[in-house]
Amino acid sequence: MRFVLRVVRPLALLLVAIVAMSAAWLYARPPELLRVGDGYAAKIVCSNVFLAGRDPEQVLYEDVQAPGNPLLRLVRVTVDRQDKRVTARILGLFAPGHAIYRGALGCSSVPDGDFEAAARAVPEVPVTPEPQNEAPWPEGNAVAKANDSRVDALLSDAELIGPAMRAVVVVRNGRIIAERYSDGFGPMMPLTGWSMTKTVNAAIVGRLMLDNKIAFDEAGLLPQWKGGDHSAIKLSDLLGMESGLVFNESYGTVADVTRMLYLDADMTALPASLPLEASPGQRFSYSSGSSVLISKIWMNRIGNMQAALAYPKTALFDPIGMSSAVLEVDARGTFAGSSYLYATARDWARFGQFLLQDGVWNGQRLLPERFMAAMRTPTVASGGKYTQAQAWLAAPGGDTSAVAGLPEDTFWMEGHDGQSIAIVPSAKLVVVRLGLTPSWLRYKPQMLVKEILAALPGSDQ
């Protein structure tokens, strides 16, 4: 027995020492992967708690842990409602990730934990209560009971709406003809669009183009790019994802996109500093970094920070009635134009209808005709799948409209985890589908769109 104790005791002490050293290492120098995971968790919980009014533990489980990396199941979050902050830590101890709520600017990831610097860079913008408007949608939010039973029935088909659907809205001839929400979600709850934000961000550029404040062929777009190889990058190159900049968009590990979103207080720092891997305009490479740079460029063009922060609301959201829309900023005040727009499904449908109407709302042209033509024109380098203004001609999964069996004029907004808006001008149809449906589930919303088209009155589909 004494012999066993002599052997076991040192081993136990060694194990304790290893655990203590590992804990000290994780505390002092946590791996980037853990920091990304906690930063992601803090940001997602913050936006869903303060914008959507959801329960933080429900958001942590349903939105962060269930569909994600197994390590995320070790994350614990704390919500400080008084200071409007969220902190996430692995095992409740290590690699803290932080986010802060800024009112009308939504939530910002604060990777360095320096809330004071974040507050100095961009103070909180108070939320202005929107007046109730009971006019019929889209002028207001009154929606009559669906009068097309065939389309309404399609939204009861679990296979068509897809797993973990949260909202579907169908618009025909400028009116909502059917909508469906899953339990816990509803028409007044803002939902994330992920990369559908890119198309909205591009439309903000289009608003500036209408006022001749920016142009497709402009180059020398950032101060640090002037005089070098980067000075040849044109705005059209960034909009078409053809900048030539090296950017790793892989979400499986720590990559450029996750560093930008969750490790950098200034999201523009990384993509702006990347080298060129190809000549501008020659190679298609999907890049969230390009969209964040576009945000920085149009904000610089406005010049005044306060005016730039107000611009999406005053120039775009208010004119088309997207009263729920919140475009979020990073910790230094640049709009996260790649990823972070929250809006109700009905407001996402308003934006889809706005694009269907060629950038015109209530008889007023808000986006130039040339810009709208670019949004429906494919880039050569993308093989005809991506447009010159951050939209897709390919349906989710990669097929072009003709291959997918949809009208040839169909174009799409698409986002991570199953967000999509199909816009079919020839059928005067918009279909919004939001949810939390990872790509590995292989859900394709074009099947829903095809069935809706076939069910429309007078359809020969």
Protein backbone atom coordinates (compact mmCIF):
# COMPACT_ATOMS: atom_id res chain seq x y z
CA MET A 1 0.00 0.00 0.00
CA ARG A 2 2.83 2.38 0.90
CA PHE A 3 4.45 1.63 -2.43
CA VAL A 4 1.22 2.47 -4.25
CA LEU A 5 0.93 5.71 -2.32
CA ARG A 6 4.54 6.60 -3.16
CA VAL A 7 3.74 6.16 -6.85
CA VAL A 8 0.25 7.66 -6.92
CA ARG A 9 1.00 10.76 -4.85
CA PRO A 10 3.71 12.15 -7.19
CA LEU A 11 1.55 11.36 -10.21
CA ALA A 12 -1.37 13.19 -8.65
CA LEU A 13 0.84 16.17 -7.84
CA LEU A 14 2.18 16.12 -11.39
CA LEU A 15 -1.36 16.04 -12.76
CA VAL A 16 -2.36 18.96 -10.56
CA ALA A 17 0.71 20.89 -11.72
CA ILE A 18 -0.09 20.18 -15.38
CA VAL A 19 -3.69 21.30 -14.91
CA ALA A 20 -2.58 24.46 -13.07
CA MET A 21 0.00 25.30 -15.75
CA SER A 22 -2.52 24.66 -18.51
CA ALA A 23 -5.08 26.87 -16.81
CA ALA A 24 -2.48 29.62 -16.35
CA TRP A 25 -1.54 29.35 -20.03
CA LEU A 26 -5.17 29.46 -21.16
CA TYR A 27 -5.76 32.47 -18.94
CA ALA A 28 -2.65 34.41 -20.02
CA ARG A 29 -2.39 33.42 -23.69
CA PRO A 30 -5.55 31.76 -24.90
CA PRO A 31 -5.39 30.29 -28.42
CA GLU A 32 -6.98 32.35 -31.17
CA LEU A 33 -9.54 29.62 -31.83
CA LEU A 34 -10.93 29.99 -28.30
CA ARG A 35 -10.94 33.78 -28.57
CA VAL A 36 -12.83 33.59 -31.86
CA GLY A 37 -15.38 31.23 -30.33
CA ASP A 38 -15.99 33.45 -27.33
CA GLY A 39 -16.07 36.60 -29.45
CA TYR A 40 -18.63 35.01 -31.75
CA ALA A 41 -20.77 33.85 -28.82
CA ALA A 42 -20.71 37.27 -27.13
CA LYS A 43 -21.67 39.08 -30.33
CA ILE A 44 -24.52 36.73 -31.29
CA VAL A 45 -25.97 36.71 -27.79
CA CYS A 46 -25.70 40.50 -27.50
CA SER A 47 -27.56 41.21 -30.75
CA ASN A 48 -30.30 38.69 -30.08
CA VAL A 49 -30.85 39.81 -26.49
CA PHE A 50 -30.81 43.58 -27.01
CA LEU A 51 -32.27 43.79 -30.52
CA ALA A 52 -34.59 40.78 -30.66
CA GLY A 53 -35.46 40.48 -26.96
CA ARG A 54 -34.59 36.79 -26.77
CA ASP A 55 -33.42 34.83 -23.73
CA PRO A 56 -29.59 34.71 -23.56
CA GLU A 57 -29.35 31.03 -22.58
CA GLN A 58 -31.72 30.08 -25.38
CA VAL A 59 -29.63 32.06 -27.87
CA LEU A 60 -26.41 30.51 -26.56
CA TYR A 61 -27.77 27.01 -27.03
CA GLU A 62 -29.83 27.37 -30.22
CA ASP A 63 -27.77 29.89 -32.19
CA VAL A 64 -24.21 29.34 -30.96
CA GLN A 65 -23.76 25.85 -29.56
CA ALA A 66 -26.19 23.53 -31.34
CA PRO A 67 -25.11 24.21 -34.95
CA GLY A 68 -21.46 25.10 -34.29
CA ASN A 69 -18.04 23.75 -33.34
CA PRO A 70 -18.23 21.30 -30.38
CA LEU A 71 -15.91 23.60 -28.41
CA LEU A 72 -18.71 26.17 -28.33
CA ARG A 73 -20.63 23.88 -25.98
CA LEU A 74 -18.10 24.83 -23.31
CA VAL A 75 -18.91 28.54 -23.60
CA ARG A 76 -20.72 30.35 -20.81
CA VAL A 77 -22.11 33.87 -21.13
CA THR A 78 -22.94 36.68 -18.72
CA VAL A 79 -25.22 39.57 -19.66
CA ASP A 80 -24.87 42.92 -17.90
CA ARG A 81 -28.15 44.61 -18.76
CA GLN A 82 -27.30 47.79 -16.89
CA ASP A 83 -24.09 48.48 -18.81
CA LYS A 84 -25.44 46.65 -21.89
CA ARG A 85 -22.49 44.31 -22.19
CA VAL A 86 -22.10 40.60 -22.86
CA THR A 87 -19.05 38.51 -21.97
CA ALA A 88 -18.45 34.91 -23.07
CA ARG A 89 -15.78 32.59 -21.68
CA ILE A 90 -14.80 28.98 -22.33
CA LEU A 91 -15.79 27.04 -19.19
CA GLY A 92 -16.78 30.41 -17.77
CA LEU A 93 -13.07 31.14 -17.18
CA PHE A 94 -10.90 31.52 -20.26
CA ALA A 95 -10.42 33.53 -23.47
CA PRO A 96 -13.08 36.18 -22.78
CA GLY A 97 -14.99 37.61 -25.71
CA HIS A 98 -16.94 40.83 -25.31
CA ALA A 99 -19.74 42.73 -27.03
CA ILE A 100 -21.52 45.97 -26.23
CA TYR A 101 -24.96 47.26 -27.20
CA ARG A 102 -25.06 50.76 -28.74
CA GLY A 103 -28.74 51.41 -29.19
CA ALA A 104 -29.60 52.30 -32.78
CA LEU A 105 -26.19 50.98 -33.88
CA GLY A 106 -26.85 47.53 -32.44
CA CYS A 107 -24.10 45.42 -30.88
CA SER A 108 -20.37 45.60 -31.49
CA SER A 109 -17.75 42.98 -30.84
CA VAL A 110 -15.08 44.41 -28.51
CA PRO A 111 -12.18 41.97 -28.94
CA ASP A 112 -9.73 43.86 -26.74
CA GLY A 113 -12.26 44.32 -23.94
CA ASP A 114 -11.62 48.06 -23.98
CA PHE A 115 -15.17 49.32 -23.58
CA GLU A 116 -13.99 52.86 -22.83
CA ALA A 117 -12.14 53.08 -26.16
CA ALA A 118 -15.19 51.70 -27.94
CA ALA A 119 -17.41 54.29 -26.25
CA ARG A 120 -15.02 57.10 -27.18
CA ALA A 121 -14.91 55.97 -30.80
CA VAL A 122 -18.67 55.69 -31.16
CA PRO A 123 -21.04 56.75 -28.38
CA GLU A 124 -24.36 54.97 -28.01
CA VAL A 125 -27.08 56.27 -30.34
CA PRO A 126 -30.50 56.35 -28.65
CA VAL A 127 -33.25 54.29 -30.22
CA THR A 128 -36.09 56.44 -31.52
CA PRO A 129 -39.48 54.74 -31.11
CA GLU A 130 -41.13 54.28 -34.48
CA PRO A 131 -44.75 55.45 -34.81
CA GLN A 132 -47.30 52.69 -35.33
CA ASN A 133 -48.44 52.51 -38.92
CA GLU A 134 -51.48 50.35 -39.56
CA ALA A 135 -51.59 50.99 -43.31
CA PRO A 136 -51.37 47.88 -45.52
CA TRP A 137 -47.87 46.52 -46.10
CA PRO A 138 -45.52 47.84 -47.47
CA GLU A 139 -46.73 51.33 -46.57
CA GLY A 140 -47.39 50.06 -43.04
CA ASN A 141 -47.36 46.77 -41.20
CA ALA A 142 -50.97 45.66 -41.55
CA VAL A 143 -51.12 42.33 -43.36
CA ALA A 144 -54.43 40.73 -44.24
CA LYS A 145 -54.91 37.02 -43.82
CA ALA A 146 -53.43 35.23 -46.80
CA ASN A 147 -56.03 34.91 -49.53
CA ASP A 148 -54.06 32.41 -51.59
CA SER A 149 -54.61 29.08 -49.86
CA ARG A 150 -52.32 27.26 -52.30
CA VAL A 151 -49.28 29.37 -51.43
CA ASP A 152 -50.19 29.38 -47.75
CA ALA A 153 -50.33 25.58 -47.78
CA LEU A 154 -46.83 25.38 -49.23
CA LEU A 155 -45.50 27.15 -46.15
CA SER A 156 -46.77 24.23 -44.05
CA ASP A 157 -44.51 21.81 -45.93
CA ALA A 158 -41.51 21.21 -43.66
CA GLU A 159 -39.36 19.99 -46.53
CA LEU A 160 -40.00 23.09 -48.63
CA ILE A 161 -39.41 25.66 -45.87
CA GLY A 162 -36.43 23.70 -44.61
CA PRO A 163 -35.07 22.69 -41.19
CA ALA A 164 -34.88 25.38 -38.49
CA MET A 165 -36.85 27.87 -40.57
CA ARG A 166 -37.64 31.00 -38.57
CA ALA A 167 -39.55 33.14 -41.05
CA VAL A 168 -40.87 32.95 -44.60
CA VAL A 169 -42.57 35.89 -46.30
CA VAL A 170 -44.03 35.73 -49.83
CA VAL A 171 -44.73 38.97 -51.70
CA ARG A 172 -46.67 39.11 -54.99
CA ASN A 173 -47.60 42.28 -56.83
CA GLY A 174 -46.27 44.35 -53.96
CA ARG A 175 -48.39 42.71 -51.22
CA ILE A 176 -47.67 39.96 -48.72
CA ILE A 177 -49.76 36.97 -49.79
CA ALA A 178 -48.43 34.46 -47.24
CA GLU A 179 -46.06 34.29 -44.29
CA ARG A 180 -45.05 31.72 -41.72
CA TYR A 181 -43.00 31.90 -38.49
CA SER A 182 -41.65 29.17 -36.27
CA ASP A 183 -42.33 28.98 -32.55
CA GLY A 184 -40.64 31.79 -30.64
CA PHE A 185 -40.34 34.05 -33.68
CA GLY A 186 -42.77 36.48 -35.23
CA PRO A 187 -43.31 39.40 -37.61
CA MET A 188 -41.96 41.99 -35.16
CA MET A 189 -38.69 40.20 -34.27
CA PRO A 190 -35.50 41.42 -36.01
CA LEU A 191 -33.50 38.57 -37.55
CA THR A 192 -29.98 38.50 -38.90
CA GLY A 193 -29.32 38.44 -42.62
CA TRP A 194 -25.61 37.57 -42.40
CA SER A 195 -24.19 38.08 -45.92
CA MET A 196 -27.47 39.44 -47.28
CA THR A 197 -26.09 42.54 -45.54
CA LYS A 198 -23.57 42.83 -48.39
CA THR A 199 -26.32 43.62 -50.88
CA VAL A 200 -27.81 46.27 -48.58
CA ASN A 201 -24.36 47.77 -48.04
CA ALA A 202 -23.91 47.93 -51.80
CA ALA A 203 -27.25 49.72 -52.11
CA ILE A 204 -25.97 52.38 -49.70
CA VAL A 205 -23.13 52.95 -52.16
CA GLY A 206 -25.76 53.24 -54.87
CA ARG A 207 -27.48 56.00 -52.90
CA LEU A 208 -24.21 57.97 -52.92
CA MET A 209 -23.84 57.30 -56.65
CA LEU A 210 -27.23 58.90 -57.24
CA ASP A 211 -25.82 62.09 -55.71
CA ASN A 212 -22.59 61.79 -57.76
CA LYS A 213 -20.49 61.38 -54.60
CA ILE A 214 -18.85 58.12 -55.67
CA ALA A 215 -18.45 56.14 -58.91
CA PHE A 216 -17.79 52.58 -60.06
CA ASP A 217 -14.49 53.42 -61.73
CA GLU A 218 -12.90 55.31 -58.84
CA ALA A 219 -9.52 54.00 -57.64
CA GLY A 220 -7.06 55.02 -54.92
CA LEU A 221 -9.88 54.28 -52.52
CA LEU A 222 -8.06 54.26 -49.17
CA PRO A 223 -5.28 56.58 -47.97
CA GLN A 224 -2.91 53.64 -47.36
CA TRP A 225 -3.47 52.36 -50.90
CA LYS A 226 -2.35 55.46 -52.75
CA GLY A 227 0.93 55.18 -54.63
CA GLY A 228 1.28 51.38 -54.54
CA ASP A 229 -0.14 48.37 -56.36
CA HIS A 230 -3.36 48.69 -54.37
CA SER A 231 -4.05 52.08 -55.92
CA ALA A 232 -5.31 50.29 -59.06
CA ILE A 233 -8.21 48.65 -57.18
CA LYS A 234 -11.46 50.24 -58.31
CA LEU A 235 -14.74 50.36 -56.44
CA SER A 236 -16.20 48.09 -59.13
CA ASP A 237 -13.51 45.51 -58.30
CA LEU A 238 -14.55 45.45 -54.66
CA LEU A 239 -18.27 45.32 -55.49
CA GLY A 240 -17.72 42.40 -57.87
CA MET A 241 -15.41 40.52 -55.47
CA GLU A 242 -12.58 40.92 -57.96
CA SER A 243 -10.17 43.11 -55.99
CA GLY A 244 -7.27 40.66 -56.22
CA LEU A 245 -6.70 40.91 -52.45
CA VAL A 246 -5.73 37.75 -50.60
CA PHE A 247 -8.55 36.91 -48.17
CA ASN A 248 -9.38 33.59 -46.53
CA GLU A 249 -13.18 33.27 -46.18
CA SER A 250 -13.07 29.82 -44.53
CA TYR A 251 -15.17 29.57 -41.36
CA GLY A 252 -13.89 26.16 -40.23
CA THR A 253 -10.89 27.49 -38.30
CA VAL A 254 -9.22 30.78 -37.50
CA ALA A 255 -9.08 32.54 -40.86
CA ASP A 256 -9.04 36.10 -42.18
CA VAL A 257 -12.81 36.42 -41.94
CA THR A 258 -13.04 35.26 -38.31
CA ARG A 259 -10.02 37.34 -37.30
CA MET A 260 -11.64 40.38 -38.87
CA LEU A 261 -15.02 39.83 -37.20
CA TYR A 262 -13.93 38.67 -33.74
CA LEU A 263 -10.27 39.52 -33.09
CA ASP A 264 -9.87 43.05 -34.49
CA ALA A 265 -11.46 46.11 -32.93
CA ASP A 266 -11.02 47.82 -36.32
CA MET A 267 -12.39 45.36 -38.89
CA THR A 268 -10.82 47.26 -41.77
CA ALA A 269 -7.25 46.83 -40.52
CA LEU A 270 -6.72 43.28 -41.80
CA PRO A 271 -8.33 43.41 -45.27
CA ALA A 272 -6.82 46.82 -46.02
CA SER A 273 -3.31 45.49 -45.30
CA LEU A 274 -3.51 42.27 -47.31
CA PRO A 275 -1.31 41.78 -50.39
CA LEU A 276 -2.60 41.24 -53.91
CA GLU A 277 -2.71 37.71 -55.28
CA ALA A 278 -4.06 38.75 -58.69
CA SER A 279 -4.50 41.87 -60.76
CA PRO A 280 -7.70 43.76 -59.90
CA GLY A 281 -10.66 42.70 -62.02
CA GLN A 282 -9.15 39.37 -63.09
CA ARG A 283 -10.12 36.84 -60.41
CA PHE A 284 -13.33 36.24 -58.44
CA SER A 285 -12.77 35.61 -54.74
CA TYR A 286 -15.70 35.93 -52.34
CA SER A 287 -14.56 38.17 -49.50
CA SER A 288 -16.33 39.64 -46.49
CA GLY A 289 -13.25 41.81 -46.14
CA SER A 290 -14.12 43.54 -49.40
CA SER A 291 -17.58 44.44 -48.09
CA VAL A 292 -16.20 45.91 -44.87
CA LEU A 293 -13.75 47.97 -46.94
CA ILE A 294 -16.68 49.21 -49.02
CA SER A 295 -18.31 50.41 -45.78
CA LYS A 296 -15.15 52.28 -44.85
CA ILE A 297 -14.89 53.83 -48.30
CA TRP A 298 -18.44 55.18 -48.43
CA MET A 299 -18.19 56.40 -44.83
CA ASN A 300 -14.96 58.24 -45.68
CA ARG A 301 -16.72 59.78 -48.66
CA ILE A 302 -19.35 61.28 -46.35
CA GLY A 303 -16.55 62.52 -44.13
CA ASN A 304 -18.34 63.45 -40.93
CA MET A 305 -18.61 60.43 -38.60
CA GLN A 306 -21.97 61.41 -37.17
CA ALA A 307 -23.45 61.96 -40.63
CA ALA A 308 -21.96 58.67 -41.87
CA LEU A 309 -23.44 56.72 -38.96
CA ALA A 310 -26.87 58.22 -39.68
CA TYR A 311 -26.69 57.71 -43.44
CA PRO A 312 -28.08 54.15 -43.81
CA LYS A 313 -31.21 55.13 -41.91
CA THR A 314 -31.80 58.52 -43.49
CA ALA A 315 -30.81 57.60 -47.04
CA LEU A 316 -32.21 54.08 -47.34
CA PHE A 317 -34.09 52.56 -44.42
CA ASP A 318 -36.45 55.47 -43.71
CA PRO A 319 -37.41 56.14 -47.35
CA ILE A 320 -38.50 52.53 -47.94
CA GLY A 321 -39.99 51.98 -44.47
CA MET A 322 -37.41 49.54 -43.04
CA SER A 323 -38.06 50.85 -39.53
CA SER A 324 -36.68 47.76 -37.79
CA ALA A 325 -33.36 47.70 -39.68
CA VAL A 326 -30.18 47.97 -37.60
CA LEU A 327 -26.84 47.92 -39.41
CA GLU A 328 -24.21 47.24 -36.76
CA VAL A 329 -20.73 48.72 -36.40
CA ASP A 330 -17.36 47.47 -35.19
CA ALA A 331 -15.65 48.76 -32.05
CA ARG A 332 -14.15 51.69 -33.96
CA GLY A 333 -17.31 52.77 -35.75
CA THR A 334 -17.11 51.16 -39.20
CA PHE A 335 -20.30 49.48 -40.37
CA ALA A 336 -19.93 45.70 -40.59
CA GLY A 337 -21.30 45.77 -44.13
CA SER A 338 -20.34 42.16 -44.69
CA SER A 339 -22.50 40.52 -42.08
CA TYR A 340 -24.48 42.40 -39.47
CA LEU A 341 -27.86 43.74 -40.46
CA TYR A 342 -30.87 42.81 -38.32
CA ALA A 343 -34.41 43.43 -39.55
CA THR A 344 -37.83 41.83 -39.37
CA ALA A 345 -38.73 39.39 -42.13
CA ARG A 346 -41.25 41.92 -43.42
CA ASP A 347 -38.54 44.58 -43.64
CA TRP A 348 -36.22 42.18 -45.44
CA ALA A 349 -39.16 41.68 -47.81
CA ARG A 350 -39.42 45.46 -48.24
CA PHE A 351 -35.82 45.57 -49.38
CA GLY A 352 -36.43 42.71 -51.80
CA GLN A 353 -39.47 44.54 -53.18
CA PHE A 354 -37.36 47.70 -53.50
CA LEU A 355 -34.88 45.83 -55.69
CA LEU A 356 -37.70 44.24 -57.68
CA GLN A 357 -38.98 47.76 -58.37
CA ASP A 358 -35.58 48.65 -59.86
CA GLY A 359 -34.53 50.86 -56.94
CA VAL A 360 -37.68 52.98 -57.05
CA TRP A 361 -39.98 53.51 -54.06
CA ASN A 362 -43.25 55.46 -54.09
CA GLY A 363 -42.31 56.83 -57.49
CA GLN A 364 -38.94 58.14 -56.33
CA ARG A 365 -35.74 56.71 -57.78
CA LEU A 366 -33.35 55.99 -54.92
CA LEU A 367 -30.77 53.92 -56.80
CA PRO A 368 -29.36 54.86 -60.23
CA GLU A 369 -30.46 52.83 -63.23
CA ARG A 370 -26.84 51.99 -63.96
CA PHE A 371 -26.38 50.65 -60.45
CA MET A 372 -29.50 48.49 -60.68
CA ALA A 373 -28.30 47.17 -64.03
CA ALA A 374 -24.99 46.24 -62.36
CA MET A 375 -26.86 44.39 -59.61
CA ARG A 376 -28.35 42.10 -62.25
CA THR A 377 -25.25 41.82 -64.47
CA PRO A 378 -22.79 38.99 -63.81
CA THR A 379 -19.07 39.50 -63.52
CA VAL A 380 -17.00 37.55 -66.03
CA ALA A 381 -14.59 36.24 -63.40
CA SER A 382 -17.40 34.69 -61.33
CA GLY A 383 -18.52 32.54 -64.22
CA GLY A 384 -21.84 34.35 -64.39
CA LYS A 385 -22.83 33.61 -60.79
CA TYR A 386 -22.09 36.86 -58.94
CA THR A 387 -23.15 40.33 -59.99
CA GLN A 388 -21.33 43.63 -60.26
CA ALA A 389 -23.14 44.97 -57.16
CA GLN A 390 -23.00 42.21 -54.54
CA ALA A 391 -25.96 40.01 -55.41
CA TRP A 392 -26.18 36.48 -56.80
CA LEU A 393 -27.54 35.17 -60.08
CA ALA A 394 -26.85 31.66 -58.82
CA ALA A 395 -29.33 30.15 -56.40
CA PRO A 396 -27.97 28.83 -53.08
CA GLY A 397 -25.97 25.74 -53.96
CA GLY A 398 -24.48 27.26 -57.09
CA ASP A 399 -26.92 26.67 -59.95
CA THR A 400 -27.83 29.62 -62.15
CA SER A 401 -31.52 30.41 -62.54
CA ALA A 402 -31.89 28.53 -65.81
CA VAL A 403 -30.25 25.40 -64.40
CA ALA A 404 -32.33 25.65 -61.22
CA GLY A 405 -35.53 25.79 -63.29
CA LEU A 406 -36.35 29.39 -62.30
CA PRO A 407 -37.10 32.38 -64.55
CA GLU A 408 -33.92 33.75 -66.06
CA ASP A 409 -34.36 37.17 -64.46
CA THR A 410 -34.27 35.71 -60.92
CA PHE A 411 -31.56 37.09 -58.68
CA TRP A 412 -30.75 36.46 -55.04
CA MET A 413 -29.55 37.81 -51.75
CA GLU A 414 -27.89 35.07 -49.74
CA GLY A 415 -26.52 34.71 -46.23
CA HIS A 416 -24.84 32.23 -43.90
CA ASP A 417 -26.95 29.47 -42.31
CA GLY A 418 -29.81 29.56 -44.80
CA GLN A 419 -30.78 33.22 -45.21
CA SER A 420 -32.09 34.05 -48.68
CA ILE A 421 -34.26 36.41 -50.66
CA ALA A 422 -35.33 35.41 -54.16
CA ILE A 423 -36.34 38.30 -56.42
CA VAL A 424 -38.24 37.37 -59.59
CA PRO A 425 -39.19 40.55 -61.51
CA SER A 426 -41.03 38.71 -64.32
CA ALA A 427 -43.39 37.15 -61.75
CA LYS A 428 -43.50 40.24 -59.51
CA LEU A 429 -42.46 37.86 -56.73
CA VAL A 430 -40.22 38.16 -53.66
CA VAL A 431 -39.61 35.21 -51.34
CA VAL A 432 -37.80 35.76 -48.03
CA ARG A 433 -36.58 32.72 -46.12
CA LEU A 434 -34.75 33.15 -42.80
CA GLY A 435 -33.57 30.53 -40.34
CA LEU A 436 -30.61 28.75 -38.82
CA THR A 437 -29.90 26.08 -41.40
CA PRO A 438 -26.19 25.23 -41.83
CA SER A 439 -25.02 24.47 -45.36
CA TRP A 440 -24.23 20.85 -44.48
CA LEU A 441 -27.99 20.24 -44.28
CA ARG A 442 -28.07 20.94 -48.05
CA TYR A 443 -31.34 22.86 -47.97
CA LYS A 444 -32.12 24.65 -51.24
CA PRO A 445 -34.72 27.44 -51.11
CA GLN A 446 -35.10 27.42 -54.90
CA MET A 447 -37.40 24.40 -54.49
CA LEU A 448 -39.72 26.55 -52.37
CA VAL A 449 -39.58 29.34 -54.94
CA LYS A 450 -40.36 26.93 -57.79
CA GLU A 451 -43.39 25.54 -55.98
CA ILE A 452 -44.68 29.04 -55.18
CA LEU A 453 -44.28 30.06 -58.83
CA ALA A 454 -46.23 26.99 -59.88
CA ALA A 455 -49.02 27.81 -57.42
CA LEU A 456 -49.50 31.42 -58.54
CA PRO A 457 -52.71 32.21 -60.45
CA GLY A 458 -52.23 31.94 -64.19
CA SER A 459 -48.88 30.19 -63.80
CA ASP A 460 -47.76 27.79 -66.51
CA GLN A 461 -44.84 26.50 -64.43
